Amino acid sequence: MSRDPARAEPQRRPAWLKVAPVTGEGYRTIKDLVARRHLHTVCEEARCPNRHECWGARTATLMLLGDRCTRSCAFCGVGKKRRPLPPDPEEPGRVAAAVRELGLRHAVLTSVTRDDLPDGGAAHWAATLRAIRAACPGTTVEALVPDFGGDADALARVLAEGPEVLSHNVETVPELYARARRDSDWERSLALLGRVARAARHRPVRVKSGMMLGLGESQEQLREAMARLVEAGVEILTLGQYLPPSRRHLPVARFVPPEAFDELKRLGEALGLRHVEAGPFVRSSYRAERHLRV
């Protein structure tokens, strides 16, 4: 009997993927704030390897609409088993208060996917952006949104609130979607990014996406995916190493060495991307404040 590859023994991580967690005052400040204001962060829910570094620098990616996703991506550590709760009408105010308390100059927001809501949660997104503008008028915002089921009106509702960066991750190459993102569609995500790029002709917004490496993609598949992102109007791309959150998730096919990330950065920028943030520990919101300045 063949073994289920999803339950295979995990590969030993190479030296470049080992990092000692460091906790300090900044880390404790973020941890206390998240608990005190009853917030969620993708840092915790997705088990981000940069959590200690980012929290130590007093930055975090706040996650809207609860901690229960309606999709079942095979790579993601965010909870999926329980039915999502209705949107909390007080969450936008709590998020804005947290951004103000931290004194953030740049805030990154994301959310779970909420296919159970008629607008995919767009109204809640818009309310949160308005609350941050009211509480912190000098703060810039990156909105890392789901695909809203391809609903162009839902996306327009978020764009109307004027985030400085609108980000949506394609996550991997099209050829791996059936395995990694069976409830999502690469072309639908690409169409969303194209809509943002067209909106950017009329309002200042940076178009951003992100991908994980090490799921089994080939160099040519990556090149083609990056070329299509450029064609759609994406300006900023993040590339990082996929790390399985548990043995129940997709196994890693390959640990990509740091020099390969450097090569992909050069390739992406040669294809026309304004900036590629690439490295084993890079995640979509890693050092996001720099992406406004590229």
C-alpha atoms as a PDB file:
ATOM      1  CA  MET A   1       0.000   0.000   0.000  1.00  0.00           C
ATOM      2  CA  SER A   2       1.402   3.409  -0.955  1.00  0.00           C
ATOM      3  CA  ARG A   3       1.787   6.072   1.702  1.00  0.00           C
ATOM      4  CA  ASP A   4      -0.284   9.208   1.672  1.00  0.00           C
ATOM      5  CA  PRO A   5       2.238  11.937   0.670  1.00  0.00           C
ATOM      6  CA  ALA A   6       0.375  14.484   2.786  1.00  0.00           C
ATOM      7  CA  ARG A   7       1.228  12.385   5.857  1.00  0.00           C
ATOM      8  CA  ALA A   8       4.807  11.594   4.916  1.00  0.00           C
ATOM      9  CA  GLU A   9       7.547  12.320   7.382  1.00  0.00           C
ATOM     10  CA  PRO A  10       8.551  15.993   7.127  1.00  0.00           C
ATOM     11  CA  GLN A  11      11.900  16.784   5.570  1.00  0.00           C
ATOM     12  CA  ARG A  12      14.606  18.109   7.828  1.00  0.00           C
ATOM     13  CA  ARG A  13      14.933  21.867   7.406  1.00  0.00           C
ATOM     14  CA  PRO A  14      18.282  23.109   6.103  1.00  0.00           C
ATOM     15  CA  ALA A  15      20.401  25.504   8.129  1.00  0.00           C
ATOM     16  CA  TRP A  16      19.135  28.605   6.328  1.00  0.00           C
ATOM     17  CA  LEU A  17      15.585  27.883   7.529  1.00  0.00           C
ATOM     18  CA  LYS A  18      16.424  27.666  11.197  1.00  0.00           C
ATOM     19  CA  VAL A  19      15.909  30.742  13.324  1.00  0.00           C
ATOM     20  CA  ALA A  20      15.848  31.180  17.078  1.00  0.00           C
ATOM     21  CA  PRO A  21      12.732  33.023  18.301  1.00  0.00           C
ATOM     22  CA  VAL A  22      13.528  36.171  20.232  1.00  0.00           C
ATOM     23  CA  THR A  23      10.960  37.829  22.458  1.00  0.00           C
ATOM     24  CA  GLY A  24      11.383  41.321  23.813  1.00  0.00           C
ATOM     25  CA  GLU A  25       9.351  44.337  24.767  1.00  0.00           C
ATOM     26  CA  GLY A  26       7.962  44.856  21.258  1.00  0.00           C
ATOM     27  CA  TYR A  27       6.853  41.232  21.003  1.00  0.00           C
ATOM     28  CA  ARG A  28       5.124  41.364  24.369  1.00  0.00           C
ATOM     29  CA  THR A  29       3.444  44.658  23.461  1.00  0.00           C
ATOM     30  CA  ILE A  30       1.868  43.178  20.324  1.00  0.00           C
ATOM     31  CA  LYS A  31       0.855  39.948  22.056  1.00  0.00           C
ATOM     32  CA  ASP A  32      -0.836  41.875  24.863  1.00  0.00           C
ATOM     33  CA  LEU A  33      -2.555  44.278  22.461  1.00  0.00           C
ATOM     34  CA  VAL A  34      -3.988  41.488  20.294  1.00  0.00           C
ATOM     35  CA  ALA A  35      -5.388  39.689  23.320  1.00  0.00           C
ATOM     36  CA  ARG A  36      -6.688  42.831  25.030  1.00  0.00           C
ATOM     37  CA  ARG A  37      -8.558  44.103  21.974  1.00  0.00           C
ATOM     38  CA  HIS A  38      -9.804  40.650  20.931  1.00  0.00           C
ATOM     39  CA  LEU A  39      -8.107  40.777  17.553  1.00  0.00           C
ATOM     40  CA  HIS A  40      -6.715  38.145  15.203  1.00  0.00           C
ATOM     41  CA  THR A  41      -3.400  38.270  13.342  1.00  0.00           C
ATOM     42  CA  VAL A  42      -2.326  36.250  10.347  1.00  0.00           C
ATOM     43  CA  CYS A  43       1.026  36.093  12.121  1.00  0.00           C
ATOM     44  CA  GLU A  44      -0.469  33.664  14.646  1.00  0.00           C
ATOM     45  CA  GLU A  45      -3.200  32.010  12.606  1.00  0.00           C
ATOM     46  CA  ALA A  46      -0.881  31.138   9.695  1.00  0.00           C
ATOM     47  CA  ARG A  47       2.062  30.380  12.034  1.00  0.00           C
ATOM     48  CA  CYS A  48       4.343  32.854  10.297  1.00  0.00           C
ATOM     49  CA  PRO A  49       8.061  32.215  10.885  1.00  0.00           C
ATOM     50  CA  ASN A  50       8.707  35.977  11.045  1.00  0.00           C
ATOM     51  CA  ARG A  51       6.319  36.579  13.930  1.00  0.00           C
ATOM     52  CA  HIS A  52       9.009  37.208  16.529  1.00  0.00           C
ATOM     53  CA  GLU A  53      10.988  39.547  14.263  1.00  0.00           C
ATOM     54  CA  CYS A  54       7.963  41.575  13.175  1.00  0.00           C
ATOM     55  CA  TRP A  55       6.321  41.748  16.587  1.00  0.00           C
ATOM     56  CA  GLY A  56       9.663  42.706  18.050  1.00  0.00           C
ATOM     57  CA  ALA A  57       9.623  45.675  15.662  1.00  0.00           C
ATOM     58  CA  ARG A  58       6.045  46.462  16.771  1.00  0.00           C
ATOM     59  CA  THR A  59       4.431  45.487  13.462  1.00  0.00           C
ATOM     60  CA  ALA A  60       1.720  42.915  12.807  1.00  0.00           C
ATOM     61  CA  THR A  61      -0.758  41.968  10.098  1.00  0.00           C
ATOM     62  CA  LEU A  62      -4.259  42.231  11.531  1.00  0.00           C
ATOM     63  CA  MET A  63      -6.805  39.720  10.249  1.00  0.00           C
ATOM     64  CA  LEU A  64     -10.441  40.740   9.800  1.00  0.00           C
ATOM     65  CA  LEU A  65     -13.686  38.761   9.878  1.00  0.00           C
ATOM     66  CA  GLY A  66     -12.698  36.198  12.466  1.00  0.00           C
ATOM     67  CA  ASP A  67     -10.406  33.191  12.364  1.00  0.00           C
ATOM     68  CA  ARG A  68     -12.561  30.720  10.430  1.00  0.00           C
ATOM     69  CA  CYS A  69     -12.089  30.460   6.665  1.00  0.00           C
ATOM     70  CA  THR A  70     -14.703  29.042   4.282  1.00  0.00           C
ATOM     71  CA  ARG A  71     -12.110  27.501   1.973  1.00  0.00           C
ATOM     72  CA  SER A  72      -9.818  24.535   2.433  1.00  0.00           C
ATOM     73  CA  CYS A  73      -6.452  25.422   0.923  1.00  0.00           C
ATOM     74  CA  ALA A  74      -4.123  22.508   1.531  1.00  0.00           C
ATOM     75  CA  PHE A  75      -1.177  24.706   2.564  1.00  0.00           C
ATOM     76  CA  CYS A  76      -2.856  27.083   5.007  1.00  0.00           C
ATOM     77  CA  GLY A  77      -2.880  26.923   8.804  1.00  0.00           C
ATOM     78  CA  VAL A  78      -5.924  29.176   9.317  1.00  0.00           C
ATOM     79  CA  GLY A  79      -8.880  27.337  10.875  1.00  0.00           C
ATOM     80  CA  LYS A  80     -11.552  25.923   8.564  1.00  0.00           C
ATOM     81  CA  LYS A  81     -13.538  23.302  10.452  1.00  0.00           C
ATOM     82  CA  ARG A  82     -16.074  25.420  12.321  1.00  0.00           C
ATOM     83  CA  ARG A  83     -18.820  27.580  10.830  1.00  0.00           C
ATOM     84  CA  PRO A  84     -17.725  31.232  10.633  1.00  0.00           C
ATOM     85  CA  LEU A  85     -19.369  33.686  12.990  1.00  0.00           C
ATOM     86  CA  PRO A  86     -21.224  36.773  11.699  1.00  0.00           C
ATOM     87  CA  PRO A  87     -18.991  39.830  11.179  1.00  0.00           C
ATOM     88  CA  ASP A  88     -18.392  41.696  14.427  1.00  0.00           C
ATOM     89  CA  PRO A  89     -19.581  45.298  13.901  1.00  0.00           C
ATOM     90  CA  GLU A  90     -17.190  46.489  16.614  1.00  0.00           C
ATOM     91  CA  GLU A  91     -14.097  44.978  15.000  1.00  0.00           C
ATOM     92  CA  PRO A  92     -13.350  47.954  12.683  1.00  0.00           C
ATOM     93  CA  GLY A  93     -13.181  50.257  15.694  1.00  0.00           C
ATOM     94  CA  ARG A  94     -10.965  47.870  17.641  1.00  0.00           C
ATOM     95  CA  VAL A  95      -8.587  47.514  14.705  1.00  0.00           C
ATOM     96  CA  ALA A  96      -8.369  51.295  14.297  1.00  0.00           C
ATOM     97  CA  ALA A  97      -7.727  51.702  18.016  1.00  0.00           C
ATOM     98  CA  ALA A  98      -4.923  49.128  17.843  1.00  0.00           C
ATOM     99  CA  VAL A  99      -3.319  50.898  14.886  1.00  0.00           C
ATOM    100  CA  ARG A 100      -3.477  54.189  16.796  1.00  0.00           C
ATOM    101  CA  GLU A 101      -2.127  52.654  20.009  1.00  0.00           C
ATOM    102  CA  LEU A 102       0.850  51.213  18.159  1.00  0.00           C
ATOM    103  CA  GLY A 103       1.482  54.493  16.368  1.00  0.00           C
ATOM    104  CA  LEU A 104       1.757  52.702  13.032  1.00  0.00           C
ATOM    105  CA  ARG A 105       2.740  54.726   9.995  1.00  0.00           C
ATOM    106  CA  HIS A 106       1.778  51.804   7.752  1.00  0.00           C
ATOM    107  CA  ALA A 107      -0.844  49.184   8.629  1.00  0.00           C
ATOM    108  CA  VAL A 108      -1.353  45.846   6.887  1.00  0.00           C
ATOM    109  CA  LEU A 109      -4.787  44.232   6.978  1.00  0.00           C
ATOM    110  CA  THR A 110      -5.901  40.864   5.683  1.00  0.00           C
ATOM    111  CA  SER A 111      -8.901  38.605   6.226  1.00  0.00           C
ATOM    112  CA  VAL A 112     -10.118  35.081   6.010  1.00  0.00           C
ATOM    113  CA  THR A 113     -12.158  34.210   2.917  1.00  0.00           C
ATOM    114  CA  ARG A 114     -15.876  34.530   3.631  1.00  0.00           C
ATOM    115  CA  ASP A 115     -17.812  32.897   0.809  1.00  0.00           C
ATOM    116  CA  ASP A 116     -20.776  32.686   3.200  1.00  0.00           C
ATOM    117  CA  LEU A 117     -21.298  36.468   2.999  1.00  0.00           C
ATOM    118  CA  PRO A 118     -23.090  37.998  -0.014  1.00  0.00           C
ATOM    119  CA  ASP A 119     -20.281  40.501  -0.615  1.00  0.00           C
ATOM    120  CA  GLY A 120     -17.454  38.301   0.657  1.00  0.00           C
ATOM    121  CA  GLY A 121     -16.948  40.722   3.555  1.00  0.00           C
ATOM    122  CA  ALA A 122     -16.280  43.814   1.414  1.00  0.00           C
ATOM    123  CA  ALA A 123     -18.559  46.070   3.498  1.00  0.00           C
ATOM    124  CA  HIS A 124     -16.656  45.058   6.639  1.00  0.00           C
ATOM    125  CA  TRP A 125     -13.376  45.781   4.888  1.00  0.00           C
ATOM    126  CA  ALA A 126     -14.625  49.217   3.869  1.00  0.00           C
ATOM    127  CA  ALA A 127     -15.817  49.997   7.397  1.00  0.00           C
ATOM    128  CA  THR A 128     -12.404  49.069   8.806  1.00  0.00           C
ATOM    129  CA  LEU A 129     -10.561  51.277   6.335  1.00  0.00           C
ATOM    130  CA  ARG A 130     -12.851  54.199   7.183  1.00  0.00           C
ATOM    131  CA  ALA A 131     -12.282  53.632  10.908  1.00  0.00           C
ATOM    132  CA  ILE A 132      -8.494  53.712  10.454  1.00  0.00           C
ATOM    133  CA  ARG A 133      -8.708  56.892   8.359  1.00  0.00           C
ATOM    134  CA  ALA A 134     -10.776  58.560  11.078  1.00  0.00           C
ATOM    135  CA  ALA A 135      -8.553  57.454  13.969  1.00  0.00           C
ATOM    136  CA  CYS A 136      -5.161  57.679  12.222  1.00  0.00           C
ATOM    137  CA  PRO A 137      -5.359  60.087   9.274  1.00  0.00           C
ATOM    138  CA  GLY A 138      -1.612  59.911   8.595  1.00  0.00           C
ATOM    139  CA  THR A 139      -1.416  56.113   8.440  1.00  0.00           C
ATOM    140  CA  THR A 140      -1.062  54.361   5.089  1.00  0.00           C
ATOM    141  CA  VAL A 141      -2.768  51.001   4.600  1.00  0.00           C
ATOM    142  CA  GLU A 142      -2.139  47.811   2.673  1.00  0.00           C
ATOM    143  CA  ALA A 143      -5.285  45.760   2.071  1.00  0.00           C
ATOM    144  CA  LEU A 144      -4.404  42.105   1.448  1.00  0.00           C
ATOM    145  CA  VAL A 145      -7.797  40.930   0.254  1.00  0.00           C
ATOM    146  CA  PRO A 146      -9.373  37.583  -0.703  1.00  0.00           C
ATOM    147  CA  ASP A 147     -10.785  37.141  -4.190  1.00  0.00           C
ATOM    148  CA  PHE A 148     -14.379  38.029  -3.164  1.00  0.00           C
ATOM    149  CA  GLY A 149     -15.550  35.176  -5.376  1.00  0.00           C
ATOM    150  CA  GLY A 150     -14.702  37.262  -8.426  1.00  0.00           C
ATOM    151  CA  ASP A 151     -17.241  39.969  -7.480  1.00  0.00           C
ATOM    152  CA  ALA A 152     -15.978  43.168  -9.129  1.00  0.00           C
ATOM    153  CA  ASP A 153     -18.410  45.340  -7.146  1.00  0.00           C
ATOM    154  CA  ALA A 154     -17.076  43.967  -3.848  1.00  0.00           C
ATOM    155  CA  LEU A 155     -13.517  44.798  -4.886  1.00  0.00           C
ATOM    156  CA  ALA A 156     -14.593  48.282  -5.990  1.00  0.00           C
ATOM    157  CA  ARG A 157     -16.108  48.859  -2.560  1.00  0.00           C
ATOM    158  CA  VAL A 158     -12.719  48.280  -0.934  1.00  0.00           C
ATOM    159  CA  LEU A 159     -10.833  50.310  -3.531  1.00  0.00           C
ATOM    160  CA  ALA A 160     -13.213  53.239  -3.002  1.00  0.00           C
ATOM    161  CA  GLU A 161     -11.785  53.637   0.515  1.00  0.00           C
ATOM    162  CA  GLY A 162      -8.361  54.395  -0.942  1.00  0.00           C
ATOM    163  CA  PRO A 163      -5.865  51.851   0.411  1.00  0.00           C
ATOM    164  CA  GLU A 164      -2.360  52.796  -0.688  1.00  0.00           C
ATOM    165  CA  VAL A 165      -1.573  49.167  -1.543  1.00  0.00           C
ATOM    166  CA  LEU A 166      -4.089  46.570  -2.729  1.00  0.00           C
ATOM    167  CA  SER A 167      -2.637  43.101  -2.475  1.00  0.00           C
ATOM    168  CA  HIS A 168      -3.993  39.697  -3.426  1.00  0.00           C
ATOM    169  CA  ASN A 169      -1.856  36.573  -3.388  1.00  0.00           C
ATOM    170  CA  VAL A 170      -1.980  34.069  -6.223  1.00  0.00           C
ATOM    171  CA  GLU A 171       0.052  31.827  -3.843  1.00  0.00           C
ATOM    172  CA  THR A 172       1.420  29.369  -6.422  1.00  0.00           C
ATOM    173  CA  VAL A 173       1.585  28.606 -10.143  1.00  0.00           C
ATOM    174  CA  PRO A 174      -1.626  27.719 -12.048  1.00  0.00           C
ATOM    175  CA  GLU A 175      -0.541  24.118 -12.561  1.00  0.00           C
ATOM    176  CA  LEU A 176      -0.640  23.437  -8.785  1.00  0.00           C
ATOM    177  CA  TYR A 177      -4.022  24.997  -8.009  1.00  0.00           C
ATOM    178  CA  ALA A 178      -6.009  21.754  -8.195  1.00  0.00           C
ATOM    179  CA  ARG A 179      -3.851  20.370  -5.420  1.00  0.00           C
ATOM    180  CA  ALA A 180      -3.017  23.414  -3.319  1.00  0.00           C
ATOM    181  CA  ARG A 181      -6.057  25.698  -3.774  1.00  0.00           C
ATOM    182  CA  ARG A 182      -8.863  23.496  -5.031  1.00  0.00           C
ATOM    183  CA  ASP A 183     -11.555  25.982  -3.954  1.00  0.00           C
ATOM    184  CA  SER A 184      -9.867  28.911  -5.726  1.00  0.00           C
ATOM    185  CA  ASP A 185      -9.047  29.830  -9.312  1.00  0.00           C
ATOM    186  CA  TRP A 186      -5.804  31.328 -10.635  1.00  0.00           C
ATOM    187  CA  GLU A 187      -7.498  33.129 -13.506  1.00  0.00           C
ATOM    188  CA  ARG A 188     -10.029  34.693 -11.142  1.00  0.00           C
ATOM    189  CA  SER A 189      -7.222  35.982  -8.940  1.00  0.00           C
ATOM    190  CA  LEU A 190      -5.356  37.316 -11.966  1.00  0.00           C
ATOM    191  CA  ALA A 191      -8.525  39.107 -13.120  1.00  0.00           C
ATOM    192  CA  LEU A 192      -8.839  40.757  -9.693  1.00  0.00           C
ATOM    193  CA  LEU A 193      -5.289  42.063  -9.907  1.00  0.00           C
ATOM    194  CA  GLY A 194      -5.995  43.366 -13.395  1.00  0.00           C
ATOM    195  CA  ARG A 195      -9.013  45.288 -12.089  1.00  0.00           C
ATOM    196  CA  VAL A 196      -6.840  46.879  -9.406  1.00  0.00           C
ATOM    197  CA  ALA A 197      -4.260  47.867 -12.011  1.00  0.00           C
ATOM    198  CA  ARG A 198      -6.941  49.510 -14.145  1.00  0.00           C
ATOM    199  CA  ALA A 199      -8.255  51.346 -11.084  1.00  0.00           C
ATOM    200  CA  ALA A 200      -4.713  52.576 -10.435  1.00  0.00           C
ATOM    201  CA  ARG A 201      -4.953  54.694 -13.593  1.00  0.00           C
ATOM    202  CA  HIS A 202      -7.449  56.884 -11.757  1.00  0.00           C
ATOM    203  CA  ARG A 203      -6.327  56.685  -8.123  1.00  0.00           C
ATOM    204  CA  PRO A 204      -2.933  56.092  -6.493  1.00  0.00           C
ATOM    205  CA  VAL A 205      -2.765  52.437  -5.465  1.00  0.00           C
ATOM    206  CA  ARG A 206       0.080  49.952  -5.712  1.00  0.00           C
ATOM    207  CA  VAL A 207      -0.768  46.483  -7.062  1.00  0.00           C
ATOM    208  CA  LYS A 208       0.864  43.613  -5.195  1.00  0.00           C
ATOM    209  CA  SER A 209       0.790  39.812  -5.109  1.00  0.00           C
ATOM    210  CA  GLY A 210       2.687  36.949  -3.495  1.00  0.00           C
ATOM    211  CA  MET A 211       3.712  33.357  -4.128  1.00  0.00           C
ATOM    212  CA  MET A 212       5.140  30.458  -2.144  1.00  0.00           C
ATOM    213  CA  LEU A 213       7.961  28.321  -3.503  1.00  0.00           C
ATOM    214  CA  GLY A 214       8.733  24.691  -2.820  1.00  0.00           C
ATOM    215  CA  LEU A 215       5.368  23.114  -3.664  1.00  0.00           C
ATOM    216  CA  GLY A 216       6.713  21.422  -6.792  1.00  0.00           C
ATOM    217  CA  GLU A 217       6.663  24.267  -9.294  1.00  0.00           C
ATOM    218  CA  SER A 218       9.209  24.361 -12.104  1.00  0.00           C
ATOM    219  CA  GLN A 219      11.405  27.322 -13.034  1.00  0.00           C
ATOM    220  CA  GLU A 220       9.543  27.726 -16.327  1.00  0.00           C
ATOM    221  CA  GLN A 221       6.163  27.674 -14.561  1.00  0.00           C
ATOM    222  CA  LEU A 222       7.399  30.391 -12.208  1.00  0.00           C
ATOM    223  CA  ARG A 223       8.696  32.475 -15.080  1.00  0.00           C
ATOM    224  CA  GLU A 224       5.395  32.211 -16.941  1.00  0.00           C
ATOM    225  CA  ALA A 225       3.401  33.055 -13.807  1.00  0.00           C
ATOM    226  CA  MET A 226       5.515  36.144 -13.151  1.00  0.00           C
ATOM    227  CA  ALA A 227       5.197  37.248 -16.771  1.00  0.00           C
ATOM    228  CA  ARG A 228       1.415  36.983 -16.569  1.00  0.00           C
ATOM    229  CA  LEU A 229       1.355  38.947 -13.311  1.00  0.00           C
ATOM    230  CA  VAL A 230       3.346  41.705 -14.995  1.00  0.00           C
ATOM    231  CA  GLU A 231       0.945  41.654 -17.941  1.00  0.00           C
ATOM    232  CA  ALA A 232      -1.990  42.035 -15.518  1.00  0.00           C
ATOM    233  CA  GLY A 233      -0.379  45.112 -13.961  1.00  0.00           C
ATOM    234  CA  VAL A 234       1.209  43.761 -10.771  1.00  0.00           C
ATOM    235  CA  GLU A 235       4.058  45.987  -9.570  1.00  0.00           C
ATOM    236  CA  ILE A 236       5.249  44.253  -6.388  1.00  0.00           C
ATOM    237  CA  LEU A 237       5.708  40.531  -5.802  1.00  0.00           C
ATOM    238  CA  THR A 238       6.766  38.614  -2.714  1.00  0.00           C
ATOM    239  CA  LEU A 239       8.397  35.181  -2.967  1.00  0.00           C
ATOM    240  CA  GLY A 240       9.004  32.971   0.059  1.00  0.00           C
ATOM    241  CA  GLN A 241       9.573  29.346   1.045  1.00  0.00           C
ATOM    242  CA  TYR A 242       6.491  27.225   1.734  1.00  0.00           C
ATOM    243  CA  LEU A 243       6.612  25.612   5.176  1.00  0.00           C
ATOM    244  CA  PRO A 244       3.850  23.138   6.085  1.00  0.00           C
ATOM    245  CA  PRO A 245       1.947  24.263   9.204  1.00  0.00           C
ATOM    246  CA  SER A 246       1.476  20.592  10.224  1.00  0.00           C
ATOM    247  CA  ARG A 247       1.775  17.028   8.924  1.00  0.00           C
ATOM    248  CA  ARG A 248      -1.822  17.260   7.731  1.00  0.00           C
ATOM    249  CA  HIS A 249      -0.925  19.930   5.203  1.00  0.00           C
ATOM    250  CA  LEU A 250       0.781  19.618   1.829  1.00  0.00           C
ATOM    251  CA  PRO A 251       4.358  18.389   2.222  1.00  0.00           C
ATOM    252  CA  VAL A 252       7.175  20.575   1.018  1.00  0.00           C
ATOM    253  CA  ALA A 253       8.593  19.335  -2.268  1.00  0.00           C
ATOM    254  CA  ARG A 254      11.810  21.345  -2.131  1.00  0.00           C
ATOM    255  CA  PHE A 255      13.659  23.741   0.121  1.00  0.00           C
ATOM    256  CA  VAL A 256      14.719  26.570  -2.163  1.00  0.00           C
ATOM    257  CA  PRO A 257      18.226  27.900  -1.368  1.00  0.00           C
ATOM    258  CA  PRO A 258      18.744  31.634  -0.765  1.00  0.00           C
ATOM    259  CA  GLU A 259      20.725  32.105  -3.978  1.00  0.00           C
ATOM    260  CA  ALA A 260      17.763  30.798  -6.004  1.00  0.00           C
ATOM    261  CA  PHE A 261      15.583  33.502  -4.468  1.00  0.00           C
ATOM    262  CA  ASP A 262      18.173  36.075  -5.511  1.00  0.00           C
ATOM    263  CA  GLU A 263      18.027  34.753  -9.066  1.00  0.00           C
ATOM    264  CA  LEU A 264      14.215  34.893  -9.107  1.00  0.00           C
ATOM    265  CA  LYS A 265      14.293  38.461  -7.846  1.00  0.00           C
ATOM    266  CA  ARG A 266      16.506  39.434 -10.775  1.00  0.00           C
ATOM    267  CA  LEU A 267      14.288  37.521 -13.194  1.00  0.00           C
ATOM    268  CA  GLY A 268      11.063  39.097 -11.918  1.00  0.00           C
ATOM    269  CA  GLU A 269      12.431  42.610 -12.107  1.00  0.00           C
ATOM    270  CA  ALA A 270      13.824  41.931 -15.596  1.00  0.00           C
ATOM    271  CA  LEU A 271      10.320  40.846 -16.635  1.00  0.00           C
ATOM    272  CA  GLY A 272       8.972  44.223 -15.537  1.00  0.00           C
ATOM    273  CA  LEU A 273       8.050  43.993 -11.853  1.00  0.00           C
ATOM    274  CA  ARG A 274       8.858  47.197  -9.997  1.00  0.00           C
ATOM    275  CA  HIS A 275      10.078  45.272  -6.945  1.00  0.00           C
ATOM    276  CA  VAL A 276      10.458  41.626  -5.918  1.00  0.00           C
ATOM    277  CA  GLU A 277      10.843  40.865  -2.197  1.00  0.00           C
ATOM    278  CA  ALA A 278      12.371  37.385  -2.226  1.00  0.00           C
ATOM    279  CA  GLY A 279      13.906  35.121   0.388  1.00  0.00           C
ATOM    280  CA  PRO A 280      13.224  31.935   2.357  1.00  0.00           C
ATOM    281  CA  PHE A 281      11.403  33.753   5.191  1.00  0.00           C
ATOM    282  CA  VAL A 282       9.612  36.363   3.071  1.00  0.00           C
ATOM    283  CA  ARG A 283       5.849  36.452   3.488  1.00  0.00           C
ATOM    284  CA  SER A 284       3.333  38.724   1.782  1.00  0.00           C
ATOM    285  CA  SER A 285       3.409  41.397   4.489  1.00  0.00           C
ATOM    286  CA  TYR A 286       7.111  41.123   5.340  1.00  0.00           C
ATOM    287  CA  ARG A 287       8.647  44.617   5.490  1.00  0.00           C
ATOM    288  CA  ALA A 288       5.527  45.846   3.725  1.00  0.00           C
ATOM    289  CA  GLU A 289       6.132  49.485   4.609  1.00  0.00           C
ATOM    290  CA  ARG A 290       9.088  49.494   2.176  1.00  0.00           C
ATOM    291  CA  HIS A 291       6.829  48.618  -0.730  1.00  0.00           C
ATOM    292  CA  LEU A 292       5.343  52.110  -0.776  1.00  0.00           C
ATOM    293  CA  ARG A 293       8.775  53.547  -1.467  1.00  0.00           C
ATOM    294  CA  VAL A 294       9.935  51.359  -4.361  1.00  0.00           C
END
